[in-house]
Structure formats: C-alpha cells, structure tokens
N, C-alpha and C. Protein backbone atom coordinates (compact mmCIF):
# COMPACT_ATOMS: atom_id res chain seq x y z
N UNK A 1 -12.66 7.63 26.79
CA UNK A 1 -13.75 7.02 27.40
C UNK A 1 -13.79 5.89 27.27
N UNK A 2 -13.75 5.44 28.74
CA UNK A 2 -14.99 3.94 28.57
C UNK A 2 -16.38 3.72 29.67
N UNK A 3 -16.77 2.69 28.37
CA UNK A 3 -17.97 2.87 28.20
C UNK A 3 -18.00 1.05 29.38
N UNK A 4 -19.54 1.33 29.40
CA UNK A 4 -19.97 0.82 30.74
C UNK A 4 -19.43 -0.85 30.87
N UNK A 5 -19.41 -1.15 30.24
CA UNK A 5 -18.45 -2.84 29.72
C UNK A 5 -17.33 -2.50 29.21
N UNK A 6 -16.73 -1.98 30.37
CA UNK A 6 -15.13 -1.93 29.89
C UNK A 6 -14.47 -1.66 28.64
N UNK A 7 -15.57 -0.90 27.07
CA UNK A 7 -14.50 -0.81 26.20
C UNK A 7 -14.51 0.91 25.98
N UNK A 8 -12.81 0.92 25.41
CA UNK A 8 -12.65 1.88 24.88
C UNK A 8 -11.60 2.12 24.04
N UNK A 9 -11.65 3.09 23.20
CA UNK A 9 -10.85 2.95 22.48
C UNK A 9 -10.11 4.20 22.32
N UNK A 10 -8.45 4.67 21.56
CA UNK A 10 -7.16 5.14 22.04
C UNK A 10 -6.98 5.81 21.05
N UNK A 11 -6.19 6.57 20.43
CA UNK A 11 -5.07 7.11 19.07
C UNK A 11 -5.13 7.55 19.63
N UNK A 12 -3.56 7.50 18.56
CA UNK A 12 -2.79 8.17 19.40
C UNK A 12 -1.69 9.39 18.09
N UNK A 13 -1.54 9.86 17.43
CA UNK A 13 -0.95 10.08 16.53
C UNK A 13 0.61 11.06 16.81
N UNK A 14 0.78 11.30 15.57
CA UNK A 14 2.35 11.56 15.73
C UNK A 14 1.99 13.54 15.07
N UNK A 15 2.77 14.31 15.72
CA UNK A 15 2.86 15.68 15.30
C UNK A 15 3.62 15.97 13.83
N UNK A 16 2.91 16.43 13.31
CA UNK A 16 3.75 16.79 12.53
C UNK A 16 3.69 15.81 10.74
N UNK A 17 2.19 14.41 11.17
CA UNK A 17 2.65 13.38 10.11
C UNK A 17 2.18 13.93 9.28
N UNK A 18 2.62 13.61 7.54
CA UNK A 18 2.40 14.26 6.26
C UNK A 18 0.46 14.00 6.46
N UNK A 19 -0.53 14.03 5.47
CA UNK A 19 -1.05 14.37 4.84
C UNK A 19 -0.79 13.55 3.39
N UNK A 20 -2.16 13.11 3.10
CA UNK A 20 -2.17 12.87 1.71
C UNK A 20 -1.92 13.41 0.74
N UNK A 21 -1.20 13.33 -0.13
CA UNK A 21 -1.35 14.63 -1.46
C UNK A 21 -2.83 14.39 -2.02
N UNK A 22 -3.18 15.58 -2.80
CA UNK A 22 -4.26 15.97 -3.35
C UNK A 22 -5.55 14.96 -1.40
N UNK A 23 -5.14 14.64 -0.24
CA UNK A 23 -6.16 14.34 0.18
C UNK A 23 -6.94 13.56 0.18
N UNK A 24 -6.78 12.16 -0.85
CA UNK A 24 -7.69 11.20 -1.62
C UNK A 24 -6.68 9.95 -0.73
N UNK A 25 -6.60 9.49 0.67
CA UNK A 25 -6.74 8.42 0.85
C UNK A 25 -6.47 6.89 0.17
N UNK A 26 -7.32 6.90 -0.48
CA UNK A 26 -7.13 5.96 -1.50
C UNK A 26 -6.33 5.34 -2.83
N UNK A 27 -5.94 6.49 -2.77
CA UNK A 27 -5.23 7.08 -3.76
C UNK A 27 -3.56 7.39 -4.20
N UNK A 28 -3.76 6.74 -2.54
CA UNK A 28 -2.40 7.54 -1.43
C UNK A 28 -0.78 6.49 -1.99
N UNK A 29 0.00 6.61 -2.03
CA UNK A 29 0.93 6.26 -2.94
C UNK A 29 2.16 5.01 -1.72
N UNK A 30 2.60 3.98 -1.45
CA UNK A 30 2.99 3.32 -1.06
C UNK A 30 3.95 3.82 0.60
N UNK A 31 5.01 5.16 0.16
CA UNK A 31 5.61 5.92 1.12
C UNK A 31 4.26 6.85 2.05
N UNK A 32 3.33 7.21 1.08
CA UNK A 32 2.12 7.51 2.20
C UNK A 32 1.11 7.03 3.06
N UNK A 33 1.39 5.93 2.26
CA UNK A 33 0.31 4.87 4.23
C UNK A 33 1.60 4.32 4.75
N UNK A 34 2.85 4.56 4.73
CA UNK A 34 4.03 4.04 5.79
C UNK A 34 3.77 4.70 6.42
N UNK A 35 3.79 6.35 6.47
CA UNK A 35 3.54 7.37 6.68
C UNK A 35 2.61 7.54 7.93
N UNK A 36 2.27 6.73 7.74
CA UNK A 36 0.30 7.45 7.91
C UNK A 36 -0.22 5.46 8.95
N UNK A 37 1.17 5.13 8.86
CA UNK A 37 0.59 4.14 9.98
C UNK A 37 2.10 4.26 10.92
N UNK A 38 2.94 4.24 10.88
CA UNK A 38 4.01 4.22 10.94
C UNK A 38 4.12 5.41 12.92
N UNK A 39 2.78 6.87 11.97
CA UNK A 39 2.67 8.29 12.45
C UNK A 39 1.99 7.63 13.46
N UNK A 40 1.34 6.53 13.56
CA UNK A 40 -0.03 6.78 14.42
C UNK A 40 0.11 5.17 14.96
N UNK A 41 -1.28 4.85 16.47
CA UNK A 41 -1.10 3.93 17.33
C UNK A 41 -2.84 3.17 18.00
N UNK A 42 -3.51 2.61 17.48
CA UNK A 42 -4.33 2.05 18.46
C UNK A 42 -4.15 1.43 19.45
N UNK A 43 -5.05 1.78 19.94
CA UNK A 43 -4.95 0.64 21.24
C UNK A 43 -6.76 0.44 21.43
N UNK A 44 -7.56 -0.91 21.39
CA UNK A 44 -8.98 -1.03 21.95
C UNK A 44 -9.28 -1.98 22.74
N UNK A 45 -9.75 -1.84 24.04
CA UNK A 45 -10.41 -2.85 25.00
C UNK A 45 -12.05 -3.22 24.19
N UNK A 46 -12.36 -4.59 24.07
CA UNK A 46 -13.11 -5.01 24.08
C UNK A 46 -13.72 -5.42 24.67
N UNK A 47 -14.84 -5.90 24.56
CA UNK A 47 -16.27 -6.71 25.88
C UNK A 47 -15.50 -7.56 26.28
N UNK A 48 -15.55 -8.46 27.55
CA UNK A 48 -15.59 -9.98 27.29
C UNK A 48 -16.89 -10.56 27.51
N UNK A 49 -15.73 -11.96 26.85
CA UNK A 49 -17.46 -12.69 25.33
C UNK A 49 -18.15 -13.32 26.85
N UNK A 50 -18.51 -14.11 27.07
CA UNK A 50 -19.34 -14.72 27.94
C UNK A 50 -19.07 -15.58 29.21
N UNK A 51 -17.95 -16.46 28.27
CA UNK A 51 -17.07 -17.15 29.61
C UNK A 51 -16.40 -16.70 30.26
N UNK A 52 -16.22 -15.29 30.38
CA UNK A 52 -15.55 -14.77 30.74
C UNK A 52 -13.98 -14.17 30.58
N UNK A 53 -13.89 -14.77 28.76
CA UNK A 53 -12.70 -14.28 28.36
C UNK A 53 -12.06 -12.79 27.45
N UNK A 54 -11.04 -11.93 27.66
CA UNK A 54 -11.50 -10.85 26.84
C UNK A 54 -10.18 -10.92 25.84
N UNK A 55 -11.08 -11.69 24.32
CA UNK A 55 -9.76 -11.66 23.03
C UNK A 55 -9.31 -10.31 23.11
N UNK A 56 -8.10 -11.28 22.27
CA UNK A 56 -6.72 -9.88 22.17
C UNK A 56 -6.94 -9.18 21.25
N UNK A 57 -8.18 -9.69 19.84
CA UNK A 57 -8.05 -9.09 18.36
C UNK A 57 -9.41 -10.02 18.18
N UNK A 58 -10.10 -8.58 17.79
CA UNK A 58 -11.73 -9.16 16.47
C UNK A 58 -11.84 -9.29 15.15
N UNK A 59 -10.20 -9.08 14.76
CA UNK A 59 -10.47 -9.22 13.35
C UNK A 59 -9.88 -10.43 13.52
N UNK A 60 -10.25 -11.91 12.32
CA UNK A 60 -9.93 -13.17 12.24
C UNK A 60 -8.49 -12.75 12.10
N UNK A 61 -7.90 -14.09 11.87
CA UNK A 61 -6.87 -14.72 11.44
C UNK A 61 -7.00 -15.25 9.77
N UNK A 62 -5.82 -14.08 9.44
CA UNK A 62 -5.23 -14.30 7.75
C UNK A 62 -3.93 -15.99 7.87
N UNK A 63 -4.81 -16.47 7.21
CA UNK A 63 -4.01 -18.03 6.97
C UNK A 63 -3.04 -18.09 5.46
C-alpha cells in the first residue's frame, strides 16, 4: 500500500523462520535474534522533505 504522499512500508519474512522460545522476544537468545533478523527484510520510503530531498534513513546516526 502506498499513501498519497508516496510513503510505503514492505516486510518480507523467510518461510519457516523460527519463533522465539516461550513466545517472549524480550528474553530471546543471541541465536534467536540472529535468526529473526536474518530471516526478514524491511523496506520503507518516507515523504520528501520541504526542500525536495528524500532521506535515506529517518534514524539518527550513531557515532
């Protein structure tokens, strides 16, 4: 789905991706987190800024 401003989000998940044991993501193991991240891909586009530029990321840079 794309809104009137051209923003969208798309999530792709690997078939058969394992669940977190006990269904509790907050207490997942390093191996469970690797499987969760490695088995998914997320794409999104945000609306252009007033100056016309479209940011590549809306997350602040960590230095």
